[in-house]
Amino acid sequence: MKTRQIAILLYTAAFLCFLTGSVHAAEPNWPPSISIATASPGGTYHAYGAALAKILSRVLGVIVAEQPTEGPSQNIQLIESGWPQIGFVTLGVALEGWSGTGAWTSGREYRSMRALFPMYDSPFTFAVAKDSAIRSLADMAGKRMGVGPHGGTAGDYIPKFLAVLKLDANLVYGSWDELAAQLQAGKIDILAAVAGAPFPALAGLDAKKLVRLVGLGKSDIVALRLAIPELTPSTIPAGSYPSLMSDYQTVGLFNFAVAHKSLPDSLAYAIVDAVFKNHDELVMAHPAAAATIPANFSRNTFLPFHPGALRYYSGTMTRGVVQGD
């Protein structure tokens, strides 16, 4: 029901843009407006999506709006319905949707999404109040843990983490801004995020010297990667947060922008081209976008690429310009 309500809101927002906007699509088969399903305020998707919408509106001649949602699983469900046209996903949740193995899918295979472009790695990050007695993941047993919205990657994966590590915790769901406020007020004990660093909600607390990060032990990382093979090694570099004096070793999931398969090929190509040509602007909006480069298209190993995106990558490989810088 919640997914249907958000879909209605997104349709309404796009219709208002169509009525009030003076921008016209650059191509006759392009829609007059595009919505990008992101996630809750306070998260990296939200900041990245706002910057992307601004770039695409300017470059494509189409009204593009960033729309907050509960996160990847809901984005996949919405895209399957045909609206919005673009959404952000972590590849782990996308794999659950594609194969119908995630609990949220009820066995349904979501096969309408097509990969557009790589975004960045999302490291799993655990933060507690600065004066907390929690020093390890084992200390989190029985504690109140904020994991973001139900449809987000943390909301999906943290229960799996806890099962692998044989830990019980009281999971608390909500927007990242809300959960950050709850951690500051002492209403929850831990913030467990899966997002590009620096994570806006966490960065705000860290800037006030209110939190510290709790790292994963080597045995935790090994156990998690053996049990959940889509996880990859991930590092948050020292200095990503003012209080982070050394690299934070963890696991992560890579993020991709996906589109409905019906998106016109020429529009998909233009979107990918605009993203990479305006890379610096994305990085200014959020440092995680440094990984939004053509070479990272190879991080996707199972989703079909949209034909328009595939044409872009085929062309760049032919010209020999798919590189890491």
Protein backbone atom coordinates (compact mmCIF):
# COMPACT_ATOMS: atom_id res chain seq x y z
CA MET A 1 0.00 0.00 0.00
CA LYS A 2 2.80 2.41 0.89
CA THR A 3 4.50 1.81 -2.46
CA ARG A 4 1.24 2.53 -4.28
CA GLN A 5 0.76 5.77 -2.31
CA ILE A 6 4.24 6.96 -3.17
CA ALA A 7 3.70 6.08 -6.82
CA ILE A 8 0.58 8.26 -6.82
CA LEU A 9 2.54 11.13 -5.25
CA LEU A 10 5.27 10.80 -7.86
CA TYR A 11 2.73 10.83 -10.68
CA THR A 12 1.14 13.94 -9.16
CA ALA A 13 4.48 15.71 -8.82
CA ALA A 14 5.38 14.96 -12.43
CA PHE A 15 1.97 16.13 -13.65
CA LEU A 16 2.38 19.44 -11.81
CA CYS A 17 5.81 19.84 -13.39
CA PHE A 18 4.24 19.24 -16.77
CA LEU A 19 1.53 21.86 -16.14
CA THR A 20 3.82 24.54 -14.73
CA GLY A 21 7.10 23.93 -16.54
CA SER A 22 8.23 25.77 -19.62
CA VAL A 23 10.91 23.23 -20.54
CA HIS A 24 10.28 21.08 -23.61
CA ALA A 25 11.81 17.69 -24.32
CA ALA A 26 14.77 17.82 -26.68
CA GLU A 27 13.45 14.82 -28.63
CA PRO A 28 9.81 14.17 -29.62
CA ASN A 29 9.75 10.71 -28.04
CA TRP A 30 11.16 11.90 -24.71
CA PRO A 31 8.78 12.50 -21.79
CA PRO A 32 8.27 16.12 -20.69
CA SER A 33 9.39 15.22 -17.16
CA ILE A 34 11.49 12.59 -15.39
CA SER A 35 11.46 11.53 -11.76
CA ILE A 36 14.42 9.96 -9.97
CA ALA A 37 13.52 7.72 -7.03
CA THR A 38 16.19 8.18 -4.35
CA ALA A 39 15.73 7.58 -0.59
CA SER A 40 15.04 9.46 2.63
CA PRO A 41 16.38 12.94 3.50
CA GLY A 42 19.69 12.80 5.35
CA GLY A 43 21.05 10.04 3.10
CA THR A 44 23.59 10.04 0.28
CA TYR A 45 21.01 9.05 -2.35
CA HIS A 46 19.03 12.18 -1.53
CA ALA A 47 22.01 14.53 -1.95
CA TYR A 48 23.30 12.76 -5.06
CA GLY A 49 19.82 12.68 -6.61
CA ALA A 50 19.24 16.40 -6.11
CA ALA A 51 22.50 17.20 -7.91
CA LEU A 52 21.74 14.74 -10.71
CA ALA A 53 18.27 16.20 -11.25
CA LYS A 54 19.77 19.67 -11.59
CA ILE A 55 22.34 18.48 -14.14
CA LEU A 56 19.87 16.50 -16.24
CA SER A 57 17.26 19.29 -16.26
CA ARG A 58 19.86 21.68 -17.62
CA VAL A 59 21.49 19.36 -20.14
CA LEU A 60 18.55 17.37 -21.48
CA GLY A 61 15.88 20.03 -21.76
CA VAL A 62 13.52 17.90 -19.66
CA ILE A 63 12.07 18.66 -16.24
CA VAL A 64 13.84 16.28 -13.86
CA ALA A 65 12.85 15.98 -10.20
CA GLU A 66 14.40 14.03 -7.33
CA GLN A 67 11.77 12.15 -5.34
CA PRO A 68 12.42 10.84 -1.80
CA THR A 69 11.38 7.22 -1.20
CA GLU A 70 12.17 4.52 1.34
CA GLY A 71 15.13 3.30 -0.71
CA PRO A 72 16.25 0.62 -3.18
CA SER A 73 13.61 -2.08 -2.71
CA GLN A 74 10.81 0.44 -3.02
CA ASN A 75 12.55 2.08 -5.98
CA ILE A 76 12.60 -1.28 -7.77
CA GLN A 77 8.91 -1.83 -7.08
CA LEU A 78 8.05 1.64 -8.33
CA ILE A 79 10.12 1.28 -11.50
CA GLU A 80 8.42 -2.05 -12.20
CA SER A 81 5.11 -0.17 -12.23
CA GLY A 82 6.48 2.20 -14.88
CA TRP A 83 6.95 5.26 -12.71
CA PRO A 84 9.36 6.81 -11.88
CA GLN A 85 11.56 6.17 -14.86
CA ILE A 86 14.88 6.21 -12.96
CA GLY A 87 15.86 4.94 -9.53
CA PHE A 88 18.91 4.29 -7.38
CA VAL A 89 19.67 0.77 -6.16
CA THR A 90 22.38 -1.12 -4.38
CA LEU A 91 23.36 -4.16 -6.40
CA GLY A 92 22.60 -6.47 -3.49
CA VAL A 93 18.97 -5.36 -3.30
CA ALA A 94 18.75 -5.33 -7.10
CA LEU A 95 19.91 -8.97 -7.11
CA GLU A 96 17.18 -9.83 -4.61
CA GLY A 97 14.60 -8.15 -6.83
CA TRP A 98 15.86 -9.63 -10.08
CA SER A 99 15.90 -13.16 -8.67
CA GLY A 100 12.83 -12.78 -6.44
CA THR A 101 14.79 -13.97 -3.40
CA GLY A 102 14.40 -10.94 -1.12
CA ALA A 103 11.72 -11.21 1.57
CA TRP A 104 10.24 -7.95 0.26
CA THR A 105 9.61 -9.53 -3.18
CA SER A 106 7.27 -12.30 -1.94
CA GLY A 107 8.87 -14.46 -4.62
CA ARG A 108 8.16 -12.07 -7.48
CA GLU A 109 10.94 -11.41 -9.98
CA TYR A 110 11.36 -7.73 -10.83
CA ARG A 111 12.72 -7.73 -14.38
CA SER A 112 11.83 -4.28 -15.80
CA MET A 113 14.91 -2.44 -14.53
CA ARG A 114 17.92 -1.85 -16.75
CA ALA A 115 21.32 -0.56 -15.62
CA LEU A 116 22.28 2.97 -16.63
CA PHE A 117 25.47 4.03 -14.86
CA PRO A 118 27.60 3.19 -11.80
CA MET A 119 27.33 5.50 -8.81
CA TYR A 120 29.59 4.62 -5.85
CA ASP A 121 30.32 2.08 -3.16
CA SER A 122 28.13 2.02 -0.05
CA PRO A 123 30.14 0.91 2.98
CA PHE A 124 28.34 -0.50 6.01
CA THR A 125 28.97 1.94 8.84
CA PHE A 126 28.16 1.66 12.54
CA ALA A 127 28.12 4.77 14.74
CA VAL A 128 27.38 5.30 18.43
CA ALA A 129 27.30 8.26 20.80
CA LYS A 130 30.78 9.45 21.67
CA ASP A 131 30.46 8.40 25.33
CA SER A 132 28.85 5.01 24.55
CA ALA A 133 30.32 1.87 26.11
CA ILE A 134 29.87 0.02 22.80
CA ARG A 135 33.27 -0.83 21.33
CA SER A 136 32.54 -3.72 18.95
CA LEU A 137 29.71 -5.32 17.02
CA ALA A 138 29.41 -7.91 19.78
CA ASP A 139 28.62 -5.10 22.24
CA MET A 140 25.58 -4.17 20.15
CA ALA A 141 23.60 -7.23 21.26
CA GLY A 142 20.25 -6.20 22.71
CA LYS A 143 20.75 -2.52 21.85
CA ARG A 144 18.48 -0.16 19.92
CA MET A 145 19.77 0.11 16.36
CA GLY A 146 18.53 2.65 13.79
CA VAL A 147 18.61 1.12 10.31
CA GLY A 148 16.83 3.68 8.11
CA PRO A 149 13.56 3.18 6.21
CA HIS A 150 12.07 -0.28 5.71
CA GLY A 151 12.80 -0.11 1.96
CA GLY A 152 16.43 0.91 2.38
CA THR A 153 19.54 -1.24 2.03
CA ALA A 154 20.36 -1.13 5.74
CA GLY A 155 16.79 -2.08 6.60
CA ASP A 156 17.15 -5.08 4.30
CA TYR A 157 20.71 -6.17 5.07
CA ILE A 158 21.31 -5.40 8.76
CA PRO A 159 18.97 -8.22 9.87
CA LYS A 160 21.09 -10.55 7.70
CA PHE A 161 24.26 -9.20 9.34
CA LEU A 162 22.89 -9.84 12.79
CA ALA A 163 21.83 -13.37 11.86
CA VAL A 164 25.30 -14.21 10.50
CA LEU A 165 27.01 -12.79 13.60
CA LYS A 166 24.43 -14.40 15.91
CA LEU A 167 23.43 -11.09 17.46
CA ASP A 168 20.03 -9.78 18.49
CA ALA A 169 19.23 -6.09 18.40
CA ASN A 170 16.09 -3.97 18.57
CA LEU A 171 15.77 -2.51 15.09
CA VAL A 172 14.32 0.98 14.73
CA TYR A 173 13.13 2.22 11.32
CA GLY A 174 12.69 5.78 10.07
CA SER A 175 14.25 8.47 7.91
CA TRP A 176 17.95 9.07 8.41
CA ASP A 177 17.38 12.60 9.67
CA GLU A 178 14.95 11.28 12.26
CA LEU A 179 17.27 8.51 13.38
CA ALA A 180 20.24 10.86 13.66
CA ALA A 181 18.15 13.05 15.97
CA GLN A 182 17.19 9.98 18.00
CA LEU A 183 20.84 8.96 18.40
CA GLN A 184 21.71 12.46 19.57
CA ALA A 185 18.81 12.37 22.06
CA GLY A 186 19.78 8.95 23.38
CA LYS A 187 16.62 7.25 22.12
CA ILE A 188 18.63 4.75 20.07
CA ASP A 189 22.11 3.36 20.75
CA ILE A 190 23.48 2.73 17.26
CA LEU A 191 23.13 4.13 13.76
CA ALA A 192 23.74 1.38 11.19
CA ALA A 193 24.02 2.92 7.74
CA VAL A 194 24.80 1.66 4.25
CA ALA A 195 25.64 4.70 2.16
CA GLY A 196 28.38 6.56 0.39
CA ALA A 197 30.75 8.33 2.75
CA PRO A 198 30.49 10.87 4.15
CA PHE A 199 26.92 9.99 5.01
CA PRO A 200 25.10 13.34 5.46
CA ALA A 201 23.09 12.46 8.59
CA LEU A 202 26.16 10.97 10.27
CA ALA A 203 28.46 13.75 9.08
CA GLY A 204 26.21 16.30 10.80
CA LEU A 205 26.57 14.51 14.13
CA ASP A 206 30.29 13.98 13.67
CA ALA A 207 30.83 17.67 12.97
CA LYS A 208 29.36 18.36 16.43
CA LYS A 209 31.72 15.75 17.97
CA LEU A 210 28.74 13.70 19.14
CA VAL A 211 29.56 10.29 17.64
CA ARG A 212 32.31 7.82 16.93
CA LEU A 213 32.48 4.92 14.50
CA VAL A 214 32.62 1.31 15.67
CA GLY A 215 34.65 -0.86 13.32
CA LEU A 216 34.16 -4.42 12.15
CA GLY A 217 36.67 -7.01 13.29
CA LYS A 218 38.53 -9.09 10.70
CA SER A 219 36.57 -12.17 11.75
CA ASP A 220 33.30 -10.24 11.30
CA ILE A 221 34.25 -9.28 7.75
CA VAL A 222 35.27 -12.83 6.83
CA ALA A 223 32.07 -14.32 8.27
CA LEU A 224 29.86 -11.77 6.49
CA ARG A 225 31.54 -12.20 3.09
CA LEU A 226 31.33 -15.98 3.29
CA ALA A 227 27.63 -15.87 4.19
CA ILE A 228 26.60 -12.99 1.90
CA PRO A 229 28.73 -13.29 -1.27
CA GLU A 230 27.52 -10.08 -2.91
CA LEU A 231 29.34 -8.09 -0.23
CA THR A 232 32.73 -6.70 -1.26
CA PRO A 233 35.63 -5.28 0.77
CA SER A 234 35.12 -1.59 1.43
CA THR A 235 37.13 1.16 3.08
CA ILE A 236 36.11 4.58 4.37
CA PRO A 237 39.31 6.63 4.07
CA ALA A 238 40.67 8.44 7.10
CA GLY A 239 39.40 12.02 7.17
CA SER A 240 36.08 11.23 5.51
CA TYR A 241 34.65 12.28 8.87
CA PRO A 242 36.59 14.71 11.11
CA SER A 243 36.79 12.13 13.90
CA LEU A 244 38.01 9.31 11.64
CA MET A 245 41.76 9.21 12.19
CA SER A 246 42.46 5.92 10.36
CA ASP A 247 40.88 3.97 7.53
CA TYR A 248 37.62 2.23 8.46
CA GLN A 249 37.64 -1.32 7.13
CA THR A 250 34.22 -2.77 6.39
CA VAL A 251 32.13 -4.40 3.66
CA GLY A 252 29.98 -2.69 1.08
CA LEU A 253 27.63 -2.86 -1.87
CA PHE A 254 28.00 -0.92 -5.10
CA ASN A 255 25.20 1.40 -6.26
CA PHE A 256 23.79 1.81 -9.76
CA ALA A 257 21.24 4.06 -11.36
CA VAL A 258 18.64 1.98 -13.18
CA ALA A 259 15.82 2.85 -15.56
CA HIS A 260 12.65 1.23 -16.76
CA LYS A 261 13.28 -0.78 -19.91
CA SER A 262 10.81 1.40 -21.84
CA LEU A 263 12.94 4.55 -21.47
CA PRO A 264 13.79 5.71 -25.01
CA ASP A 265 17.24 4.53 -26.08
CA SER A 266 18.32 8.01 -27.11
CA LEU A 267 17.32 9.39 -23.71
CA ALA A 268 19.18 6.67 -21.83
CA TYR A 269 22.29 7.42 -23.88
CA ALA A 270 21.94 11.15 -23.26
CA ILE A 271 21.54 10.61 -19.49
CA VAL A 272 24.70 8.50 -19.24
CA ASP A 273 26.63 10.97 -21.39
CA ALA A 274 25.44 13.92 -19.26
CA VAL A 275 26.42 12.17 -16.02
CA PHE A 276 30.01 11.52 -17.08
CA LYS A 277 30.49 14.90 -18.76
CA ASN A 278 29.35 16.64 -15.58
CA HIS A 279 31.22 14.39 -13.19
CA ASP A 280 32.92 17.26 -11.36
CA GLU A 281 29.56 18.82 -10.51
CA LEU A 282 28.35 15.56 -8.99
CA VAL A 283 31.52 15.29 -6.91
CA MET A 284 30.98 18.80 -5.61
CA ALA A 285 27.52 17.71 -4.44
CA HIS A 286 28.88 14.59 -2.73
CA PRO A 287 32.45 13.18 -2.62
CA ALA A 288 31.19 9.60 -3.13
CA ALA A 289 30.46 10.55 -6.74
CA ALA A 290 34.21 10.32 -7.39
CA ALA A 291 33.45 6.67 -8.20
CA THR A 292 30.87 7.62 -10.84
CA ILE A 293 33.20 6.85 -13.73
CA PRO A 294 32.74 4.76 -16.90
CA ALA A 295 35.24 2.10 -15.77
CA ASN A 296 32.95 1.09 -12.92
CA PHE A 297 30.27 -0.12 -15.31
CA SER A 298 31.95 -3.52 -14.82
CA ARG A 299 30.83 -3.60 -11.18
CA ASN A 300 27.42 -4.72 -12.45
CA THR A 301 27.60 -8.43 -13.27
CA PHE A 302 23.95 -9.48 -13.60
CA LEU A 303 21.57 -6.64 -14.54
CA PRO A 304 21.08 -6.11 -18.28
CA PHE A 305 22.23 -2.68 -19.37
CA HIS A 306 19.69 -0.44 -21.05
CA PRO A 307 20.37 -0.50 -24.82
CA GLY A 308 21.05 3.24 -24.78
CA ALA A 309 23.59 2.86 -21.95
CA LEU A 310 25.13 -0.16 -23.66
CA ARG A 311 25.63 1.92 -26.80
CA TYR A 312 27.48 4.53 -24.72
CA TYR A 313 29.85 2.00 -23.12
CA SER A 314 30.42 0.20 -26.40
CA GLY A 315 31.40 3.52 -27.96
CA THR A 316 33.75 4.50 -25.16
CA MET A 317 35.46 1.11 -25.25
CA THR A 318 35.86 1.40 -29.01
CA ARG A 319 37.46 4.81 -28.54
CA GLY A 320 39.58 3.46 -25.68
CA VAL A 321 38.35 6.01 -23.14
CA VAL A 322 36.89 3.74 -20.44
CA GLN A 323 39.43 4.41 -17.74
CA GLY A 324 39.64 4.96 -14.04
CA ASP A 325 40.36 8.65 -13.95
